[in-house]
Amino acid sequence: MESESRERAALLAFFLPLTRRTCEELSVGDATVSAYLADVLTEFARTDRLYRIRAPGGSRAWSRC
């Protein structure tokens, strides 16, 4: 569990400056928006979390693309 926490912190530390810079360059959002985006990217950076996403019928949501 501790390794997951460290991994999450490292991913967040990676994504947060990127989302802040991108929001600033695009003149959208603020610190709250960039923090939220970084959090979402951190959550789905792990493939086990990404593959949890399913379409309403239970199939993988991206298989229809």
PDB file of N, CA and C in Angstrom:
ATOM      1  N   MET A   1       0.819  -1.197   0.000  1.00  0.00           N
ATOM      2  CA  MET A   1       0.000   0.000   0.000  1.00  0.00           C
ATOM      3  C   MET A   1       0.862   1.260   0.000  1.00  0.00           C
ATOM      4  N   GLU A   2       1.940   1.217   0.729  1.00  0.00           N
ATOM      5  CA  GLU A   2       2.834   2.375   0.788  1.00  0.00           C
ATOM      6  C   GLU A   2       3.483   2.639  -0.558  1.00  0.00           C
ATOM      7  N   SER A   3       3.804   1.566  -1.301  1.00  0.00           N
ATOM      8  CA  SER A   3       4.408   1.754  -2.619  1.00  0.00           C
ATOM      9  C   SER A   3       3.416   2.392  -3.589  1.00  0.00           C
ATOM     10  N   GLU A   4       2.121   2.049  -3.468  1.00  0.00           N
ATOM     11  CA  GLU A   4       1.094   2.688  -4.294  1.00  0.00           C
ATOM     12  C   GLU A   4       1.006   4.170  -3.982  1.00  0.00           C
ATOM     13  N   SER A   5       1.121   4.509  -2.706  1.00  0.00           N
ATOM     14  CA  SER A   5       1.064   5.904  -2.300  1.00  0.00           C
ATOM     15  C   SER A   5       2.251   6.683  -2.869  1.00  0.00           C
ATOM     16  N   ARG A   6       3.425   6.072  -2.817  1.00  0.00           N
ATOM     17  CA  ARG A   6       4.614   6.726  -3.372  1.00  0.00           C
ATOM     18  C   ARG A   6       4.509   6.852  -4.883  1.00  0.00           C
ATOM     19  N   GLU A   7       3.974   5.806  -5.528  1.00  0.00           N
ATOM     20  CA  GLU A   7       3.805   5.833  -6.975  1.00  0.00           C
ATOM     21  C   GLU A   7       2.823   6.937  -7.368  1.00  0.00           C
ATOM     22  N   ARG A   8       1.719   7.044  -6.631  1.00  0.00           N
ATOM     23  CA  ARG A   8       0.732   8.085  -6.915  1.00  0.00           C
ATOM     24  C   ARG A   8       1.341   9.476  -6.729  1.00  0.00           C
ATOM     25  N   ALA A   9       2.102   9.655  -5.671  1.00  0.00           N
ATOM     26  CA  ALA A   9       2.738  10.951  -5.417  1.00  0.00           C
ATOM     27  C   ALA A   9       3.713  11.304  -6.539  1.00  0.00           C
ATOM     28  N   ALA A  10       4.443  10.313  -7.022  1.00  0.00           N
ATOM     29  CA  ALA A  10       5.396  10.562  -8.106  1.00  0.00           C
ATOM     30  C   ALA A  10       4.672  10.931  -9.401  1.00  0.00           C
ATOM     31  N   LEU A  11       3.579  10.233  -9.697  1.00  0.00           N
ATOM     32  CA  LEU A  11       2.806  10.553 -10.894  1.00  0.00           C
ATOM     33  C   LEU A  11       2.189  11.942 -10.793  1.00  0.00           C
ATOM     34  N   LEU A  12       1.657  12.261  -9.634  1.00  0.00           N
ATOM     35  CA  LEU A  12       1.065  13.580  -9.431  1.00  0.00           C
ATOM     36  C   LEU A  12       2.127  14.673  -9.575  1.00  0.00           C
ATOM     37  N   ALA A  13       3.302  14.428  -9.037  1.00  0.00           N
ATOM     38  CA  ALA A  13       4.402  15.391  -9.162  1.00  0.00           C
ATOM     39  C   ALA A  13       4.822  15.568 -10.619  1.00  0.00           C
ATOM     40  N   PHE A  14       4.648  14.532 -11.417  1.00  0.00           N
ATOM     41  CA  PHE A  14       4.952  14.617 -12.843  1.00  0.00           C
ATOM     42  C   PHE A  14       3.874  15.402 -13.593  1.00  0.00           C
ATOM     43  N   PHE A  15       2.602  15.071 -13.349  1.00  0.00           N
ATOM     44  CA  PHE A  15       1.510  15.668 -14.102  1.00  0.00           C
ATOM     45  C   PHE A  15       1.163  17.097 -13.686  1.00  0.00           C
ATOM     46  N   LEU A  16       1.290  17.428 -12.426  1.00  0.00           N
ATOM     47  CA  LEU A  16       0.843  18.739 -11.948  1.00  0.00           C
ATOM     48  C   LEU A  16       1.529  19.912 -12.644  1.00  0.00           C
ATOM     49  N   PRO A  17       2.845  19.936 -12.775  1.00  0.00           N
ATOM     50  CA  PRO A  17       3.456  21.076 -13.487  1.00  0.00           C
ATOM     51  C   PRO A  17       3.029  21.152 -14.952  1.00  0.00           C
ATOM     52  N   LEU A  18       2.815  19.996 -15.565  1.00  0.00           N
ATOM     53  CA  LEU A  18       2.397  19.980 -16.967  1.00  0.00           C
ATOM     54  C   LEU A  18       0.993  20.537 -17.132  1.00  0.00           C
ATOM     55  N   THR A  19       0.087  20.154 -16.258  1.00  0.00           N
ATOM     56  CA  THR A  19      -1.280  20.660 -16.366  1.00  0.00           C
ATOM     57  C   THR A  19      -1.347  22.145 -16.015  1.00  0.00           C
ATOM     58  N   ARG A  20      -0.549  22.558 -15.055  1.00  0.00           N
ATOM     59  CA  ARG A  20      -0.520  23.993 -14.716  1.00  0.00           C
ATOM     60  C   ARG A  20      -0.050  24.818 -15.905  1.00  0.00           C
ATOM     61  N   ARG A  21       1.034  24.364 -16.523  1.00  0.00           N
ATOM     62  CA  ARG A  21       1.595  25.100 -17.663  1.00  0.00           C
ATOM     63  C   ARG A  21       0.610  25.112 -18.832  1.00  0.00           C
ATOM     64  N   THR A  22      -0.005  23.965 -19.097  1.00  0.00           N
ATOM     65  CA  THR A  22      -0.954  23.878 -20.203  1.00  0.00           C
ATOM     66  C   THR A  22      -2.157  24.783 -19.971  1.00  0.00           C
ATOM     67  N   CYS A  23      -2.720  24.769 -18.767  1.00  0.00           N
ATOM     68  CA  CYS A  23      -3.855  25.644 -18.463  1.00  0.00           C
ATOM     69  C   CYS A  23      -3.462  27.109 -18.603  1.00  0.00           C
ATOM     70  N   GLU A  24      -2.266  27.432 -18.173  1.00  0.00           N
ATOM     71  CA  GLU A  24      -1.795  28.813 -18.280  1.00  0.00           C
ATOM     72  C   GLU A  24      -1.627  29.214 -19.740  1.00  0.00           C
ATOM     73  N   GLU A  25      -1.016  28.338 -20.545  1.00  0.00           N
ATOM     74  CA  GLU A  25      -0.801  28.647 -21.963  1.00  0.00           C
ATOM     75  C   GLU A  25      -2.111  28.782 -22.720  1.00  0.00           C
ATOM     76  N   LEU A  26      -3.105  27.999 -22.340  1.00  0.00           N
ATOM     77  CA  LEU A  26      -4.399  28.048 -23.016  1.00  0.00           C
ATOM     78  C   LEU A  26      -5.350  29.069 -22.405  1.00  0.00           C
ATOM     79  N   SER A  27      -4.930  29.689 -21.322  1.00  0.00           N
ATOM     80  CA  SER A  27      -5.754  30.666 -20.596  1.00  0.00           C
ATOM     81  C   SER A  27      -7.109  30.083 -20.207  1.00  0.00           C
ATOM     82  N   VAL A  28      -7.066  28.863 -19.692  1.00  0.00           N
ATOM     83  CA  VAL A  28      -8.285  28.213 -19.211  1.00  0.00           C
ATOM     84  C   VAL A  28      -8.070  27.747 -17.782  1.00  0.00           C
ATOM     85  N   GLY A  29      -9.112  27.838 -17.004  1.00  0.00           N
ATOM     86  CA  GLY A  29      -9.056  27.313 -15.656  1.00  0.00           C
ATOM     87  C   GLY A  29      -8.143  28.094 -14.732  1.00  0.00           C
ATOM     88  N   ASP A  30      -7.860  27.452 -13.624  1.00  0.00           N
ATOM     89  CA  ASP A  30      -7.011  28.040 -12.600  1.00  0.00           C
ATOM     90  C   ASP A  30      -6.290  26.905 -11.891  1.00  0.00           C
ATOM     91  N   ALA A  31      -5.775  27.151 -10.719  1.00  0.00           N
ATOM     92  CA  ALA A  31      -5.037  26.120  -9.978  1.00  0.00           C
ATOM     93  C   ALA A  31      -5.923  24.923  -9.638  1.00  0.00           C
ATOM     94  N   THR A  32      -7.197  25.184  -9.381  1.00  0.00           N
ATOM     95  CA  THR A  32      -8.125  24.100  -9.061  1.00  0.00           C
ATOM     96  C   THR A  32      -8.333  23.197 -10.266  1.00  0.00           C
ATOM     97  N   VAL A  33      -8.491  23.788 -11.436  1.00  0.00           N
ATOM     98  CA  VAL A  33      -8.696  23.011 -12.659  1.00  0.00           C
ATOM     99  C   VAL A  33      -7.457  22.193 -12.982  1.00  0.00           C
ATOM    100  N   SER A  34      -6.299  22.802 -12.926  1.00  0.00           N
ATOM    101  CA  SER A  34      -5.077  22.071 -13.251  1.00  0.00           C
ATOM    102  C   SER A  34      -4.814  20.956 -12.247  1.00  0.00           C
ATOM    103  N   ALA A  35      -5.128  21.177 -10.984  1.00  0.00           N
ATOM    104  CA  ALA A  35      -4.959  20.122  -9.978  1.00  0.00           C
ATOM    105  C   ALA A  35      -5.923  18.964 -10.241  1.00  0.00           C
ATOM    106  N   TYR A  36      -7.148  19.298 -10.626  1.00  0.00           N
ATOM    107  CA  TYR A  36      -8.127  18.255 -10.954  1.00  0.00           C
ATOM    108  C   TYR A  36      -7.662  17.436 -12.156  1.00  0.00           C
ATOM    109  N   LEU A  37      -7.204  18.110 -13.204  1.00  0.00           N
ATOM    110  CA  LEU A  37      -6.717  17.400 -14.386  1.00  0.00           C
ATOM    111  C   LEU A  37      -5.535  16.501 -14.045  1.00  0.00           C
ATOM    112  N   ALA A  38      -4.623  16.991 -13.238  1.00  0.00           N
ATOM    113  CA  ALA A  38      -3.483  16.182 -12.826  1.00  0.00           C
ATOM    114  C   ALA A  38      -3.931  14.959 -12.034  1.00  0.00           C
ATOM    115  N   ASP A  39      -4.942  15.144 -11.200  1.00  0.00           N
ATOM    116  CA  ASP A  39      -5.470  14.036 -10.415  1.00  0.00           C
ATOM    117  C   ASP A  39      -6.112  12.975 -11.309  1.00  0.00           C
ATOM    118  N   VAL A  40      -6.863  13.404 -12.306  1.00  0.00           N
ATOM    119  CA  VAL A  40      -7.487  12.456 -13.248  1.00  0.00           C
ATOM    120  C   VAL A  40      -6.417  11.711 -14.032  1.00  0.00           C
ATOM    121  N   LEU A  41      -5.424  12.426 -14.521  1.00  0.00           N
ATOM    122  CA  LEU A  41      -4.337  11.770 -15.252  1.00  0.00           C
ATOM    123  C   LEU A  41      -3.605  10.769 -14.364  1.00  0.00           C
ATOM    124  N   THR A  42      -3.401  11.133 -13.120  1.00  0.00           N
ATOM    125  CA  THR A  42      -2.734  10.242 -12.168  1.00  0.00           C
ATOM    126  C   THR A  42      -3.563   8.986 -11.936  1.00  0.00           C
ATOM    127  N   GLU A  43      -4.861   9.156 -11.795  1.00  0.00           N
ATOM    128  CA  GLU A  43      -5.753   8.017 -11.549  1.00  0.00           C
ATOM    129  C   GLU A  43      -5.721   7.016 -12.696  1.00  0.00           C
ATOM    130  N   PHE A  44      -5.727   7.502 -13.925  1.00  0.00           N
ATOM    131  CA  PHE A  44      -5.828   6.609 -15.068  1.00  0.00           C
ATOM    132  C   PHE A  44      -4.487   6.290 -15.721  1.00  0.00           C
ATOM    133  N   ALA A  45      -3.398   6.747 -15.150  1.00  0.00           N
ATOM    134  CA  ALA A  45      -2.077   6.406 -15.676  1.00  0.00           C
ATOM    135  C   ALA A  45      -1.766   4.941 -15.449  1.00  0.00           C
ATOM    136  N   ARG A  46      -2.363   4.362 -14.436  1.00  0.00           N
ATOM    137  CA  ARG A  46      -2.164   2.938 -14.153  1.00  0.00           C
ATOM    138  C   ARG A  46      -3.137   2.130 -14.995  1.00  0.00           C
ATOM    139  N   THR A  47      -2.618   1.160 -15.733  1.00  0.00           N
ATOM    140  CA  THR A  47      -3.464   0.398 -16.644  1.00  0.00           C
ATOM    141  C   THR A  47      -4.535  -0.398 -15.919  1.00  0.00           C
ATOM    142  N   ASP A  48      -4.281  -0.853 -14.712  1.00  0.00           N
ATOM    143  CA  ASP A  48      -5.314  -1.611 -14.002  1.00  0.00           C
ATOM    144  C   ASP A  48      -6.518  -0.735 -13.687  1.00  0.00           C
ATOM    145  N   ARG A  49      -6.300   0.556 -13.533  1.00  0.00           N
ATOM    146  CA  ARG A  49      -7.413   1.473 -13.291  1.00  0.00           C
ATOM    147  C   ARG A  49      -8.102   1.848 -14.596  1.00  0.00           C
ATOM    148  N   LEU A  50      -7.332   2.018 -15.657  1.00  0.00           N
ATOM    149  CA  LEU A  50      -7.883   2.367 -16.955  1.00  0.00           C
ATOM    150  C   LEU A  50      -8.792   1.264 -17.470  1.00  0.00           C
ATOM    151  N   TYR A  51      -8.385   0.034 -17.338  1.00  0.00           N
ATOM    152  CA  TYR A  51      -9.156  -1.078 -17.880  1.00  0.00           C
ATOM    153  C   TYR A  51     -10.391  -1.405 -17.061  1.00  0.00           C
ATOM    154  N   ARG A  52     -10.616  -0.722 -15.941  1.00  0.00           N
ATOM    155  CA  ARG A  52     -11.857  -0.885 -15.172  1.00  0.00           C
ATOM    156  C   ARG A  52     -13.029  -0.240 -15.883  1.00  0.00           C
ATOM    157  N   ILE A  53     -12.755   0.707 -16.771  1.00  0.00           N
ATOM    158  CA  ILE A  53     -13.819   1.441 -17.444  1.00  0.00           C
ATOM    159  C   ILE A  53     -14.532   0.508 -18.411  1.00  0.00           C
ATOM    160  N   ARG A  54     -15.841   0.426 -18.256  1.00  0.00           N
ATOM    161  CA  ARG A  54     -16.665  -0.443 -19.095  1.00  0.00           C
ATOM    162  C   ARG A  54     -17.846   0.335 -19.653  1.00  0.00           C
ATOM    163  N   ALA A  55     -18.318  -0.098 -20.800  1.00  0.00           N
ATOM    164  CA  ALA A  55     -19.532   0.447 -21.386  1.00  0.00           C
ATOM    165  C   ALA A  55     -20.718  -0.084 -20.583  1.00  0.00           C
ATOM    166  N   PRO A  56     -21.891   0.517 -20.723  1.00  0.00           N
ATOM    167  CA  PRO A  56     -23.054   0.058 -19.960  1.00  0.00           C
ATOM    168  C   PRO A  56     -23.338  -1.440 -20.109  1.00  0.00           C
ATOM    169  N   GLY A  57     -23.032  -2.030 -21.262  1.00  0.00           N
ATOM    170  CA  GLY A  57     -23.270  -3.459 -21.477  1.00  0.00           C
ATOM    171  C   GLY A  57     -22.203  -4.351 -20.883  1.00  0.00           C
ATOM    172  N   GLY A  58     -21.149  -3.765 -20.325  1.00  0.00           N
ATOM    173  CA  GLY A  58     -20.088  -4.537 -19.700  1.00  0.00           C
ATOM    174  C   GLY A  58     -18.848  -4.718 -20.560  1.00  0.00           C
ATOM    175  N   SER A  59     -18.939  -4.352 -21.852  1.00  0.00           N
ATOM    176  CA  SER A  59     -17.758  -4.480 -22.704  1.00  0.00           C
ATOM    177  C   SER A  59     -16.815  -3.297 -22.453  1.00  0.00           C
ATOM    178  N   ARG A  60     -15.598  -3.440 -22.906  1.00  0.00           N
ATOM    179  CA  ARG A  60     -14.647  -2.347 -22.753  1.00  0.00           C
ATOM    180  C   ARG A  60     -15.142  -1.137 -23.522  1.00  0.00           C
ATOM    181  N   ALA A  61     -15.110  -0.002 -22.905  1.00  0.00           N
ATOM    182  CA  ALA A  61     -15.659   1.222 -23.484  1.00  0.00           C
ATOM    183  C   ALA A  61     -14.937   1.615 -24.765  1.00  0.00           C
ATOM    184  N   TRP A  62     -13.651   1.339 -24.881  1.00  0.00           N
ATOM    185  CA  TRP A  62     -12.871   1.767 -26.028  1.00  0.00           C
ATOM    186  C   TRP A  62     -12.896   0.763 -27.165  1.00  0.00           C
ATOM    187  N   SER A  63     -13.480  -0.419 -26.998  1.00  0.00           N
ATOM    188  CA  SER A  63     -13.468  -1.443 -28.037  1.00  0.00           C
ATOM    189  C   SER A  63     -14.360  -1.072 -29.227  1.00  0.00           C
ATOM    190  N   ARG A  64     -15.245  -0.087 -29.034  1.00  0.00           N
ATOM    191  CA  ARG A  64     -16.146   0.321 -30.106  1.00  0.00           C
ATOM    192  C   ARG A  64     -15.511   1.348 -31.037  1.00  0.00           C
ATOM    193  N   CYS A  65     -14.333   1.836 -30.713  1.00  0.00           N
ATOM    194  CA  CYS A  65     -13.699   2.878 -31.521  1.00  0.00           C
ATOM    195  C   CYS A  65     -13.140   2.317 -32.808  1.00  0.00           C
TER     196      CYS A  65
END
